[in-house]
């Protein structure tokens, strides 16, 4: 016998299965015109971030001062020891940093960053970078980015300082 809650749960599962997915199976965010500002800024930056696109970096979620991205490690991302090249991990973390510090439609650039590599990543791993705003001042900000694998093991810790350049991310009247 099925209960109403089981039926509702089954309907939710069916709806989830029908949602569009990216190349590694994550649900793609809502593409409606009512996107929040942080998502609109991240998407605008991603449109012309050809390195992020070529690397398969996918936006999972963005909010004010935060961003979560994923990247599937491919064979062409490996170094001579068979593990993921540190530059690829850095790029993922740096992209999450960029999208988080530009999430309020105030253009920021990196003025300093560093990364600590804690564990290797390998072909087939799905890395997730979660950027969090630690401090936001008048002209600069501090962000912490944790990069983990699909088993939630921390691969790297990235720290970035941003500088506000006094212009918007989104061009006024461009439909956002």
C-alpha atoms as a PDB file:
ATOM      1  CA  UNK A   1       0.000   0.000   0.000  1.00  0.00           C
ATOM      2  CA  UNK A   2       1.375   3.417  -0.959  1.00  0.00           C
ATOM      3  CA  UNK A   3       0.958   6.422   1.259  1.00  0.00           C
ATOM      4  CA  UNK A   4       0.525   9.985   0.102  1.00  0.00           C
ATOM      5  CA  UNK A   5       4.055  10.816   1.275  1.00  0.00           C
ATOM      6  CA  UNK A   6       5.508   7.911  -0.771  1.00  0.00           C
ATOM      7  CA  UNK A   7       3.606   9.111  -3.858  1.00  0.00           C
ATOM      8  CA  UNK A   8       4.856  12.685  -3.357  1.00  0.00           C
ATOM      9  CA  UNK A   9       8.410  11.358  -2.879  1.00  0.00           C
ATOM     10  CA  UNK A  10       8.162   9.315  -6.085  1.00  0.00           C
ATOM     11  CA  UNK A  11       6.880  12.364  -7.984  1.00  0.00           C
ATOM     12  CA  UNK A  12       9.824  14.419  -6.674  1.00  0.00           C
ATOM     13  CA  UNK A  13      12.253  11.716  -7.796  1.00  0.00           C
ATOM     14  CA  UNK A  14      10.630  11.662 -11.245  1.00  0.00           C
ATOM     15  CA  UNK A  15      10.908  15.456 -11.477  1.00  0.00           C
ATOM     16  CA  UNK A  16      14.592  15.288 -10.444  1.00  0.00           C
ATOM     17  CA  UNK A  17      15.287  12.710 -13.161  1.00  0.00           C
ATOM     18  CA  UNK A  18      13.745  15.041 -15.758  1.00  0.00           C
ATOM     19  CA  UNK A  19      16.001  17.984 -14.807  1.00  0.00           C
ATOM     20  CA  UNK A  20      18.849  18.852 -17.220  1.00  0.00           C
ATOM     21  CA  UNK A  21      22.275  17.577 -16.135  1.00  0.00           C
ATOM     22  CA  UNK A  22      25.828  18.722 -16.834  1.00  0.00           C
ATOM     23  CA  UNK A  23      28.628  16.440 -18.085  1.00  0.00           C
ATOM     24  CA  UNK A  24      29.214  14.895 -14.647  1.00  0.00           C
ATOM     25  CA  UNK A  25      25.583  14.447 -13.645  1.00  0.00           C
ATOM     26  CA  UNK A  26      24.880  17.532 -11.525  1.00  0.00           C
ATOM     27  CA  UNK A  27      21.497  19.154 -11.966  1.00  0.00           C
ATOM     28  CA  UNK A  28      21.831  22.339 -13.989  1.00  0.00           C
ATOM     29  CA  UNK A  29      20.634  25.462 -12.204  1.00  0.00           C
ATOM     30  CA  UNK A  30      17.352  27.136 -13.004  1.00  0.00           C
ATOM     31  CA  UNK A  31      17.768  29.185 -16.192  1.00  0.00           C
ATOM     32  CA  UNK A  32      14.679  31.383 -15.670  1.00  0.00           C
ATOM     33  CA  UNK A  33      14.858  35.173 -16.110  1.00  0.00           C
ATOM     34  CA  UNK A  34      14.442  35.594 -12.315  1.00  0.00           C
ATOM     35  CA  UNK A  35      18.020  34.537 -11.510  1.00  0.00           C
ATOM     36  CA  UNK A  36      19.537  36.097  -8.454  1.00  0.00           C
ATOM     37  CA  UNK A  37      22.315  38.640  -8.820  1.00  0.00           C
ATOM     38  CA  UNK A  38      25.162  36.310  -7.789  1.00  0.00           C
ATOM     39  CA  UNK A  39      24.161  33.664 -10.334  1.00  0.00           C
ATOM     40  CA  UNK A  40      23.745  36.282 -13.056  1.00  0.00           C
ATOM     41  CA  UNK A  41      27.234  37.666 -12.349  1.00  0.00           C
ATOM     42  CA  UNK A  42      28.822  34.184 -12.327  1.00  0.00           C
ATOM     43  CA  UNK A  43      27.081  33.200 -15.548  1.00  0.00           C
ATOM     44  CA  UNK A  44      28.132  36.425 -17.250  1.00  0.00           C
ATOM     45  CA  UNK A  45      31.762  35.852 -16.256  1.00  0.00           C
ATOM     46  CA  UNK A  46      31.575  32.177 -17.277  1.00  0.00           C
ATOM     47  CA  UNK A  47      30.321  33.125 -20.761  1.00  0.00           C
ATOM     48  CA  UNK A  48      33.722  34.629 -21.592  1.00  0.00           C
ATOM     49  CA  UNK A  49      35.888  32.489 -19.299  1.00  0.00           C
ATOM     50  CA  UNK A  50      37.113  30.205 -22.057  1.00  0.00           C
ATOM     51  CA  UNK A  51      39.644  28.477 -19.822  1.00  0.00           C
ATOM     52  CA  UNK A  52      36.903  27.505 -17.351  1.00  0.00           C
ATOM     53  CA  UNK A  53      34.706  26.293 -20.196  1.00  0.00           C
ATOM     54  CA  UNK A  54      37.523  24.274 -21.805  1.00  0.00           C
ATOM     55  CA  UNK A  55      38.378  22.775 -18.409  1.00  0.00           C
ATOM     56  CA  UNK A  56      34.769  21.636 -17.940  1.00  0.00           C
ATOM     57  CA  UNK A  57      34.238  23.805 -14.855  1.00  0.00           C
ATOM     58  CA  UNK A  58      30.536  23.858 -14.013  1.00  0.00           C
ATOM     59  CA  UNK A  59      28.668  26.285 -11.789  1.00  0.00           C
ATOM     60  CA  UNK A  60      26.702  24.400  -9.147  1.00  0.00           C
ATOM     61  CA  UNK A  61      25.520  27.319  -7.019  1.00  0.00           C
ATOM     62  CA  UNK A  62      26.371  30.953  -6.372  1.00  0.00           C
ATOM     63  CA  UNK A  63      25.111  33.317  -3.704  1.00  0.00           C
ATOM     64  CA  UNK A  64      26.329  36.600  -2.314  1.00  0.00           C
ATOM     65  CA  UNK A  65      29.979  36.037  -1.328  1.00  0.00           C
ATOM     66  CA  UNK A  66      29.861  32.297  -2.085  1.00  0.00           C
ATOM     67  CA  UNK A  67      30.256  29.985  -5.043  1.00  0.00           C
ATOM     68  CA  UNK A  68      30.445  26.230  -5.640  1.00  0.00           C
ATOM     69  CA  UNK A  69      31.948  24.778  -8.819  1.00  0.00           C
ATOM     70  CA  UNK A  70      32.830  21.278 -10.031  1.00  0.00           C
ATOM     71  CA  UNK A  71      35.323  19.865 -12.507  1.00  0.00           C
ATOM     72  CA  UNK A  72      35.834  16.320 -13.789  1.00  0.00           C
ATOM     73  CA  UNK A  73      39.535  15.385 -13.965  1.00  0.00           C
ATOM     74  CA  UNK A  74      40.369  14.188 -17.477  1.00  0.00           C
ATOM     75  CA  UNK A  75      43.491  12.486 -18.840  1.00  0.00           C
ATOM     76  CA  UNK A  76      44.709  15.754 -20.429  1.00  0.00           C
ATOM     77  CA  UNK A  77      44.770  17.306 -16.925  1.00  0.00           C
ATOM     78  CA  UNK A  78      47.328  14.851 -15.519  1.00  0.00           C
ATOM     79  CA  UNK A  79      50.962  15.618 -14.762  1.00  0.00           C
ATOM     80  CA  UNK A  80      53.972  13.359 -15.361  1.00  0.00           C
ATOM     81  CA  UNK A  81      53.236  11.381 -12.177  1.00  0.00           C
ATOM     82  CA  UNK A  82      49.695  10.461 -13.250  1.00  0.00           C
ATOM     83  CA  UNK A  83      47.928  12.769 -10.809  1.00  0.00           C
ATOM     84  CA  UNK A  84      46.031  15.973 -11.541  1.00  0.00           C
ATOM     85  CA  UNK A  85      48.313  18.876 -12.429  1.00  0.00           C
ATOM     86  CA  UNK A  86      48.367  21.444  -9.621  1.00  0.00           C
ATOM     87  CA  UNK A  87      47.627  24.197 -12.125  1.00  0.00           C
ATOM     88  CA  UNK A  88      44.257  22.610 -12.895  1.00  0.00           C
ATOM     89  CA  UNK A  89      43.328  22.467  -9.204  1.00  0.00           C
ATOM     90  CA  UNK A  90      44.502  26.068  -8.821  1.00  0.00           C
ATOM     91  CA  UNK A  91      42.370  27.107 -11.821  1.00  0.00           C
ATOM     92  CA  UNK A  92      39.252  25.528 -10.324  1.00  0.00           C
ATOM     93  CA  UNK A  93      39.825  27.240  -6.958  1.00  0.00           C
ATOM     94  CA  UNK A  94      40.725  30.561  -8.599  1.00  0.00           C
ATOM     95  CA  UNK A  95      37.555  30.473 -10.701  1.00  0.00           C
ATOM     96  CA  UNK A  96      35.408  29.839  -7.600  1.00  0.00           C
ATOM     97  CA  UNK A  97      37.233  32.751  -5.923  1.00  0.00           C
ATOM     98  CA  UNK A  98      36.542  35.019  -8.916  1.00  0.00           C
ATOM     99  CA  UNK A  99      32.843  34.181  -9.099  1.00  0.00           C
ATOM    100  CA  UNK A 100      32.389  34.598  -5.313  1.00  0.00           C
ATOM    101  CA  UNK A 101      34.166  37.958  -5.042  1.00  0.00           C
ATOM    102  CA  UNK A 102      32.247  39.335  -8.050  1.00  0.00           C
ATOM    103  CA  UNK A 103      28.867  38.037  -6.841  1.00  0.00           C
ATOM    104  CA  UNK A 104      27.490  41.457  -5.855  1.00  0.00           C
ATOM    105  CA  UNK A 105      27.934  43.009  -9.319  1.00  0.00           C
ATOM    106  CA  UNK A 106      31.035  44.864  -8.111  1.00  0.00           C
ATOM    107  CA  UNK A 107      34.053  43.945 -10.247  1.00  0.00           C
ATOM    108  CA  UNK A 108      37.013  42.614  -8.255  1.00  0.00           C
ATOM    109  CA  UNK A 109      40.400  41.292  -9.322  1.00  0.00           C
ATOM    110  CA  UNK A 110      42.825  39.099  -7.423  1.00  0.00           C
ATOM    111  CA  UNK A 111      45.571  40.947  -5.607  1.00  0.00           C
ATOM    112  CA  UNK A 112      46.999  37.922  -3.817  1.00  0.00           C
ATOM    113  CA  UNK A 113      46.344  34.212  -3.590  1.00  0.00           C
ATOM    114  CA  UNK A 114      47.963  31.039  -2.356  1.00  0.00           C
ATOM    115  CA  UNK A 115      47.184  27.363  -2.392  1.00  0.00           C
ATOM    116  CA  UNK A 116      48.161  24.371  -0.269  1.00  0.00           C
ATOM    117  CA  UNK A 117      47.930  21.006  -2.025  1.00  0.00           C
ATOM    118  CA  UNK A 118      46.924  18.409   0.569  1.00  0.00           C
ATOM    119  CA  UNK A 119      46.062  15.247  -1.388  1.00  0.00           C
ATOM    120  CA  UNK A 120      46.424  14.225  -5.024  1.00  0.00           C
ATOM    121  CA  UNK A 121      43.489  13.972  -7.429  1.00  0.00           C
ATOM    122  CA  UNK A 122      43.334  11.461 -10.271  1.00  0.00           C
ATOM    123  CA  UNK A 123      41.677  10.909 -13.618  1.00  0.00           C
ATOM    124  CA  UNK A 124      37.948  10.393 -13.137  1.00  0.00           C
ATOM    125  CA  UNK A 125      37.808  12.321  -9.857  1.00  0.00           C
ATOM    126  CA  UNK A 126      35.168  15.012  -9.564  1.00  0.00           C
ATOM    127  CA  UNK A 127      36.556  18.004  -7.723  1.00  0.00           C
ATOM    128  CA  UNK A 128      34.339  20.546  -5.988  1.00  0.00           C
ATOM    129  CA  UNK A 129      35.551  24.027  -5.065  1.00  0.00           C
ATOM    130  CA  UNK A 130      33.533  25.873  -2.416  1.00  0.00           C
ATOM    131  CA  UNK A 131      34.404  29.548  -2.050  1.00  0.00           C
ATOM    132  CA  UNK A 132      33.363  31.451   1.059  1.00  0.00           C
ATOM    133  CA  UNK A 133      33.787  35.113   1.854  1.00  0.00           C
ATOM    134  CA  UNK A 134      35.750  35.542   5.083  1.00  0.00           C
ATOM    135  CA  UNK A 135      35.928  39.357   5.117  1.00  0.00           C
ATOM    136  CA  UNK A 136      34.652  42.125   2.869  1.00  0.00           C
ATOM    137  CA  UNK A 137      35.925  45.657   3.286  1.00  0.00           C
ATOM    138  CA  UNK A 138      35.453  48.844   1.290  1.00  0.00           C
ATOM    139  CA  UNK A 139      38.170  48.085  -1.289  1.00  0.00           C
ATOM    140  CA  UNK A 140      39.213  44.475  -0.649  1.00  0.00           C
ATOM    141  CA  UNK A 141      37.996  41.087   0.437  1.00  0.00           C
ATOM    142  CA  UNK A 142      39.351  37.789   1.766  1.00  0.00           C
ATOM    143  CA  UNK A 143      38.058  34.418   0.540  1.00  0.00           C
ATOM    144  CA  UNK A 144      38.651  30.812   1.544  1.00  0.00           C
ATOM    145  CA  UNK A 145      38.220  28.076  -1.051  1.00  0.00           C
ATOM    146  CA  UNK A 146      38.185  24.384  -0.145  1.00  0.00           C
ATOM    147  CA  UNK A 147      38.691  21.889  -2.967  1.00  0.00           C
ATOM    148  CA  UNK A 148      37.506  18.352  -2.266  1.00  0.00           C
ATOM    149  CA  UNK A 149      36.967  15.171  -4.255  1.00  0.00           C
ATOM    150  CA  UNK A 150      33.814  13.089  -4.690  1.00  0.00           C
ATOM    151  CA  UNK A 151      34.576  11.328  -1.371  1.00  0.00           C
ATOM    152  CA  UNK A 152      34.660  14.703   0.443  1.00  0.00           C
ATOM    153  CA  UNK A 153      38.415  14.380   1.010  1.00  0.00           C
ATOM    154  CA  UNK A 154      40.079  17.791   0.990  1.00  0.00           C
ATOM    155  CA  UNK A 155      42.482  18.051  -1.949  1.00  0.00           C
ATOM    156  CA  UNK A 156      43.545  21.688  -1.549  1.00  0.00           C
ATOM    157  CA  UNK A 157      42.991  24.853   0.463  1.00  0.00           C
ATOM    158  CA  UNK A 158      43.129  28.149  -1.457  1.00  0.00           C
ATOM    159  CA  UNK A 159      43.088  31.643   0.006  1.00  0.00           C
ATOM    160  CA  UNK A 160      42.529  34.752  -2.097  1.00  0.00           C
ATOM    161  CA  UNK A 161      42.438  38.496  -1.533  1.00  0.00           C
ATOM    162  CA  UNK A 162      40.393  40.601  -3.925  1.00  0.00           C
ATOM    163  CA  UNK A 163      40.555  44.268  -4.880  1.00  0.00           C
ATOM    164  CA  UNK A 164      37.460  46.235  -5.939  1.00  0.00           C
ATOM    165  CA  UNK A 165      38.035  48.058  -9.263  1.00  0.00           C
ATOM    166  CA  UNK A 166      34.990  50.364  -9.110  1.00  0.00           C
ATOM    167  CA  UNK A 167      32.926  49.042 -12.008  1.00  0.00           C
ATOM    168  CA  UNK A 168      30.043  46.592 -12.432  1.00  0.00           C
ATOM    169  CA  UNK A 169      30.261  42.978 -13.596  1.00  0.00           C
ATOM    170  CA  UNK A 170      26.950  43.237 -15.425  1.00  0.00           C
ATOM    171  CA  UNK A 171      26.600  45.983 -18.001  1.00  0.00           C
ATOM    172  CA  UNK A 172      23.577  48.188 -17.207  1.00  0.00           C
ATOM    173  CA  UNK A 173      20.560  47.506 -19.439  1.00  0.00           C
ATOM    174  CA  UNK A 174      21.907  44.186 -20.732  1.00  0.00           C
ATOM    175  CA  UNK A 175      18.734  42.353 -19.799  1.00  0.00           C
ATOM    176  CA  UNK A 176      19.650  41.176 -16.301  1.00  0.00           C
END
